[in-house]
Amino acid sequence: MTDSLYSKLWEVFIKLNLEKKLCEYLAMEKWEEVVGETLSSHTRPAYVKNGILYVYVDSSVWVQELMLFKNKLIEKINNKLVIPNIIKDIVFIDKGRNFKAKRRTTISQKPKLSLREEERIAKIVEEVKDEELREILRNYYRNLVIMQKGGLKDDRNKKG
């Protein structure tokens, strides 16, 4: 039954022409997993437009370092997605001091989910066998709860 749920969800995404947007969102969600803890502390995916992932970076030194590994990062991100080659390029944007200040306020202002809320979300998605789809749904429900608590007001989806 869960395989049919997975198939039906993707049919809906395709009919609504959302599958590409969903994979773009997933590319941003997978950023930390792809680059690791050290690099993710100096970077933050900002948005995806026309297959280009824009990533804020806290210094020009890190921008130069990341440029050396850009093709490998594109490959690793695309390997995490259902639809291949969604991300065609990555543009690193040096945000300098602004990055660090926004990062601190974003982290401190983000509401936390209670153990009970986490358990409720886990119960909702437990039947979904596909690991990637389960994680997408889990993040979706988490974000809904956080939005209800007044969170997610950071600049993640703003351009520039």
C-alpha atoms as a PDB file:
ATOM      1  CA  MET A   1       0.000   0.000   0.000  1.00  0.00           C
ATOM      2  CA  THR A   2       2.776   2.439   0.791  1.00  0.00           C
ATOM      3  CA  ASP A   3       4.392   1.803  -2.594  1.00  0.00           C
ATOM      4  CA  SER A   4       1.123   2.792  -4.213  1.00  0.00           C
ATOM      5  CA  LEU A   5       0.997   5.859  -1.944  1.00  0.00           C
ATOM      6  CA  TYR A   6       4.481   6.772  -3.142  1.00  0.00           C
ATOM      7  CA  SER A   7       3.443   6.295  -6.779  1.00  0.00           C
ATOM      8  CA  LYS A   8       0.250   8.275  -6.313  1.00  0.00           C
ATOM      9  CA  LEU A   9       2.067  11.150  -4.615  1.00  0.00           C
ATOM     10  CA  TRP A  10       4.545  11.374  -7.472  1.00  0.00           C
ATOM     11  CA  GLU A  11       1.663  11.235  -9.981  1.00  0.00           C
ATOM     12  CA  VAL A  12       0.094  14.204  -8.193  1.00  0.00           C
ATOM     13  CA  PHE A  13       3.417  16.069  -8.140  1.00  0.00           C
ATOM     14  CA  ILE A  14       3.847  15.434 -11.870  1.00  0.00           C
ATOM     15  CA  LYS A  15       0.266  16.453 -12.717  1.00  0.00           C
ATOM     16  CA  LEU A  16       0.689  19.660 -10.744  1.00  0.00           C
ATOM     17  CA  ASN A  17       4.109  20.157 -12.344  1.00  0.00           C
ATOM     18  CA  LEU A  18       5.685  20.208  -8.878  1.00  0.00           C
ATOM     19  CA  GLU A  19       8.207  17.376  -9.158  1.00  0.00           C
ATOM     20  CA  LYS A  20      11.038  19.673 -10.236  1.00  0.00           C
ATOM     21  CA  LYS A  21      10.283  22.209  -7.475  1.00  0.00           C
ATOM     22  CA  LEU A  22      10.128  19.398  -4.933  1.00  0.00           C
ATOM     23  CA  CYS A  23      13.546  18.135  -6.025  1.00  0.00           C
ATOM     24  CA  GLU A  24      14.932  21.682  -5.909  1.00  0.00           C
ATOM     25  CA  TYR A  25      13.647  22.019  -2.334  1.00  0.00           C
ATOM     26  CA  LEU A  26      15.134  18.630  -1.505  1.00  0.00           C
ATOM     27  CA  ALA A  27      18.502  19.729  -2.943  1.00  0.00           C
ATOM     28  CA  MET A  28      18.524  22.590  -0.441  1.00  0.00           C
ATOM     29  CA  GLU A  29      17.449  20.285   2.387  1.00  0.00           C
ATOM     30  CA  LYS A  30      20.232  17.802   1.545  1.00  0.00           C
ATOM     31  CA  TRP A  31      22.949  20.490   1.457  1.00  0.00           C
ATOM     32  CA  GLU A  32      24.279  19.833   4.974  1.00  0.00           C
ATOM     33  CA  GLU A  33      24.314  16.088   4.371  1.00  0.00           C
ATOM     34  CA  VAL A  34      26.252  16.569   1.122  1.00  0.00           C
ATOM     35  CA  VAL A  35      28.859  19.067   2.348  1.00  0.00           C
ATOM     36  CA  GLY A  36      29.216  17.941   5.954  1.00  0.00           C
ATOM     37  CA  GLU A  37      29.112  19.805   9.242  1.00  0.00           C
ATOM     38  CA  THR A  38      32.211  21.972   8.758  1.00  0.00           C
ATOM     39  CA  LEU A  39      31.249  23.381   5.356  1.00  0.00           C
ATOM     40  CA  SER A  40      27.601  23.750   6.312  1.00  0.00           C
ATOM     41  CA  SER A  41      28.642  25.986   9.211  1.00  0.00           C
ATOM     42  CA  HIS A  42      30.112  28.400   6.613  1.00  0.00           C
ATOM     43  CA  THR A  43      27.386  28.035   3.978  1.00  0.00           C
ATOM     44  CA  ARG A  44      23.621  28.170   3.614  1.00  0.00           C
ATOM     45  CA  PRO A  45      21.593  27.272   0.509  1.00  0.00           C
ATOM     46  CA  ALA A  46      19.513  30.327  -0.408  1.00  0.00           C
ATOM     47  CA  TYR A  47      17.339  29.288  -3.371  1.00  0.00           C
ATOM     48  CA  VAL A  48      17.272  27.444  -6.690  1.00  0.00           C
ATOM     49  CA  LYS A  49      16.421  29.199  -9.943  1.00  0.00           C
ATOM     50  CA  ASN A  50      16.591  27.653 -13.426  1.00  0.00           C
ATOM     51  CA  GLY A  51      18.618  24.705 -12.146  1.00  0.00           C
ATOM     52  CA  ILE A  52      21.165  26.921 -10.394  1.00  0.00           C
ATOM     53  CA  LEU A  53      21.594  26.480  -6.652  1.00  0.00           C
ATOM     54  CA  TYR A  54      22.552  29.760  -4.972  1.00  0.00           C
ATOM     55  CA  VAL A  55      24.500  29.303  -1.757  1.00  0.00           C
ATOM     56  CA  TYR A  56      25.401  32.010   0.749  1.00  0.00           C
ATOM     57  CA  VAL A  57      28.944  31.745   2.086  1.00  0.00           C
ATOM     58  CA  ASP A  58      30.473  33.587   5.035  1.00  0.00           C
ATOM     59  CA  SER A  59      33.766  34.590   3.349  1.00  0.00           C
ATOM     60  CA  SER A  60      35.525  34.904   0.012  1.00  0.00           C
ATOM     61  CA  VAL A  61      38.088  32.352   1.176  1.00  0.00           C
ATOM     62  CA  TRP A  62      35.359  29.718   1.483  1.00  0.00           C
ATOM     63  CA  VAL A  63      33.916  30.760  -1.888  1.00  0.00           C
ATOM     64  CA  GLN A  64      37.294  30.039  -3.519  1.00  0.00           C
ATOM     65  CA  GLU A  65      37.626  26.735  -1.684  1.00  0.00           C
ATOM     66  CA  LEU A  66      34.110  25.624  -2.675  1.00  0.00           C
ATOM     67  CA  MET A  67      34.729  26.535  -6.328  1.00  0.00           C
ATOM     68  CA  LEU A  68      37.395  23.813  -6.431  1.00  0.00           C
ATOM     69  CA  PHE A  69      34.799  21.189  -5.489  1.00  0.00           C
ATOM     70  CA  LYS A  70      31.768  22.624  -7.293  1.00  0.00           C
ATOM     71  CA  ASN A  71      31.408  19.861  -9.889  1.00  0.00           C
ATOM     72  CA  LYS A  72      31.702  17.174  -7.216  1.00  0.00           C
ATOM     73  CA  LEU A  73      29.085  18.941  -5.074  1.00  0.00           C
ATOM     74  CA  ILE A  74      26.684  19.157  -8.039  1.00  0.00           C
ATOM     75  CA  GLU A  75      27.156  15.448  -8.673  1.00  0.00           C
ATOM     76  CA  LYS A  76      26.630  14.527  -4.997  1.00  0.00           C
ATOM     77  CA  ILE A  77      23.473  16.643  -4.702  1.00  0.00           C
ATOM     78  CA  ASN A  78      21.985  15.243  -7.908  1.00  0.00           C
ATOM     79  CA  ASN A  79      22.679  11.699  -6.695  1.00  0.00           C
ATOM     80  CA  LYS A  80      20.439  12.412  -3.681  1.00  0.00           C
ATOM     81  CA  LEU A  81      17.460  13.407  -5.855  1.00  0.00           C
ATOM     82  CA  VAL A  82      14.720  11.369  -7.527  1.00  0.00           C
ATOM     83  CA  ILE A  83      15.024  13.283 -10.804  1.00  0.00           C
ATOM     84  CA  PRO A  84      18.599  13.342 -12.140  1.00  0.00           C
ATOM     85  CA  ASN A  85      20.469  16.523 -13.056  1.00  0.00           C
ATOM     86  CA  ILE A  86      18.076  18.997 -11.410  1.00  0.00           C
ATOM     87  CA  ILE A  87      21.034  21.081 -10.238  1.00  0.00           C
ATOM     88  CA  LYS A  88      23.079  22.257 -13.230  1.00  0.00           C
ATOM     89  CA  ASP A  89      25.318  24.751 -11.441  1.00  0.00           C
ATOM     90  CA  ILE A  90      26.065  26.273  -8.054  1.00  0.00           C
ATOM     91  CA  VAL A  91      26.705  29.968  -7.483  1.00  0.00           C
ATOM     92  CA  PHE A  92      28.448  30.863  -4.249  1.00  0.00           C
ATOM     93  CA  ILE A  93      27.596  34.304  -2.871  1.00  0.00           C
ATOM     94  CA  ASP A  94      29.919  35.906  -0.339  1.00  0.00           C
ATOM     95  CA  LYS A  95      27.681  37.377   2.363  1.00  0.00           C
ATOM     96  CA  GLY A  96      30.510  38.126   4.802  1.00  0.00           C
ATOM     97  CA  ARG A  97      29.338  39.606   8.099  1.00  0.00           C
ATOM     98  CA  ASN A  98      25.704  39.586   7.020  1.00  0.00           C
ATOM     99  CA  PHE A  99      25.812  35.800   6.769  1.00  0.00           C
ATOM    100  CA  LYS A 100      27.000  35.347  10.341  1.00  0.00           C
ATOM    101  CA  ALA A 101      24.557  37.856  11.838  1.00  0.00           C
ATOM    102  CA  LYS A 102      21.563  36.380  10.005  1.00  0.00           C
ATOM    103  CA  ARG A 103      22.659  32.850  10.826  1.00  0.00           C
ATOM    104  CA  ARG A 104      22.758  33.600  14.564  1.00  0.00           C
ATOM    105  CA  THR A 105      19.325  35.246  14.626  1.00  0.00           C
ATOM    106  CA  THR A 106      17.826  32.559  12.406  1.00  0.00           C
ATOM    107  CA  ILE A 107      19.034  29.769  14.662  1.00  0.00           C
ATOM    108  CA  SER A 108      18.031  31.482  17.901  1.00  0.00           C
ATOM    109  CA  GLN A 109      14.561  32.466  16.621  1.00  0.00           C
ATOM    110  CA  LYS A 110      13.605  29.068  15.194  1.00  0.00           C
ATOM    111  CA  PRO A 111      11.062  27.382  17.482  1.00  0.00           C
ATOM    112  CA  LYS A 112      11.813  23.847  18.575  1.00  0.00           C
ATOM    113  CA  LEU A 113       9.394  20.946  18.276  1.00  0.00           C
ATOM    114  CA  SER A 114       8.421  19.124  21.419  1.00  0.00           C
ATOM    115  CA  LEU A 115       9.070  15.412  21.792  1.00  0.00           C
ATOM    116  CA  ARG A 116       5.313  14.838  21.512  1.00  0.00           C
ATOM    117  CA  GLU A 117       5.165  16.783  18.217  1.00  0.00           C
ATOM    118  CA  GLU A 118       8.132  14.822  16.845  1.00  0.00           C
ATOM    119  CA  GLU A 119       6.482  11.544  17.849  1.00  0.00           C
ATOM    120  CA  ARG A 120       3.204  12.580  16.190  1.00  0.00           C
ATOM    121  CA  ILE A 121       5.029  13.401  12.947  1.00  0.00           C
ATOM    122  CA  ALA A 122       6.962  10.110  13.096  1.00  0.00           C
ATOM    123  CA  LYS A 123       3.657   8.243  13.502  1.00  0.00           C
ATOM    124  CA  ILE A 124       2.170  10.016  10.471  1.00  0.00           C
ATOM    125  CA  VAL A 125       5.069   9.104   8.157  1.00  0.00           C
ATOM    126  CA  GLU A 126       6.011   5.680   9.553  1.00  0.00           C
ATOM    127  CA  GLU A 127       4.043   3.765   6.900  1.00  0.00           C
ATOM    128  CA  VAL A 128       5.961   5.344   4.007  1.00  0.00           C
ATOM    129  CA  LYS A 129       8.588   2.812   2.930  1.00  0.00           C
ATOM    130  CA  ASP A 130      10.561   5.048   0.592  1.00  0.00           C
ATOM    131  CA  GLU A 131      13.189   6.730   2.764  1.00  0.00           C
ATOM    132  CA  GLU A 132      13.496   9.876   0.640  1.00  0.00           C
ATOM    133  CA  LEU A 133       9.738  10.450   0.433  1.00  0.00           C
ATOM    134  CA  ARG A 134       9.386   9.788   4.176  1.00  0.00           C
ATOM    135  CA  GLU A 135      12.035  12.438   4.891  1.00  0.00           C
ATOM    136  CA  ILE A 136      10.328  14.938   2.559  1.00  0.00           C
ATOM    137  CA  LEU A 137       7.011  14.419   4.325  1.00  0.00           C
ATOM    138  CA  ARG A 138       8.636  14.553   7.774  1.00  0.00           C
ATOM    139  CA  ASN A 139      10.256  17.918   6.931  1.00  0.00           C
ATOM    140  CA  TYR A 140       6.995  19.183   5.466  1.00  0.00           C
ATOM    141  CA  TYR A 141       5.072  18.384   8.659  1.00  0.00           C
ATOM    142  CA  ARG A 142       7.848  19.796  10.849  1.00  0.00           C
ATOM    143  CA  ASN A 143       7.806  23.041   8.882  1.00  0.00           C
ATOM    144  CA  LEU A 144       4.006  23.244   9.209  1.00  0.00           C
ATOM    145  CA  VAL A 145       4.264  22.952  12.995  1.00  0.00           C
ATOM    146  CA  ILE A 146       7.115  25.475  13.143  1.00  0.00           C
ATOM    147  CA  MET A 147       5.122  27.904  10.986  1.00  0.00           C
ATOM    148  CA  GLN A 148       2.151  27.515  13.345  1.00  0.00           C
ATOM    149  CA  LYS A 149       4.495  28.483  16.179  1.00  0.00           C
ATOM    150  CA  GLY A 150       5.528  31.608  14.280  1.00  0.00           C
ATOM    151  CA  GLY A 151       8.869  30.306  12.986  1.00  0.00           C
ATOM    152  CA  LEU A 152      10.503  29.982   9.559  1.00  0.00           C
ATOM    153  CA  LYS A 153      10.710  33.736   9.045  1.00  0.00           C
ATOM    154  CA  ASP A 154      14.331  33.556   7.901  1.00  0.00           C
ATOM    155  CA  ASP A 155      15.650  34.610   4.526  1.00  0.00           C
ATOM    156  CA  ARG A 156      15.960  31.105   3.059  1.00  0.00           C
ATOM    157  CA  ASN A 157      13.506  31.738   0.209  1.00  0.00           C
ATOM    158  CA  LYS A 158      14.397  35.393  -0.380  1.00  0.00           C
ATOM    159  CA  LYS A 159      16.574  36.183  -3.337  1.00  0.00           C
ATOM    160  CA  GLY A 160      19.631  38.381  -2.914  1.00  0.00           C
END
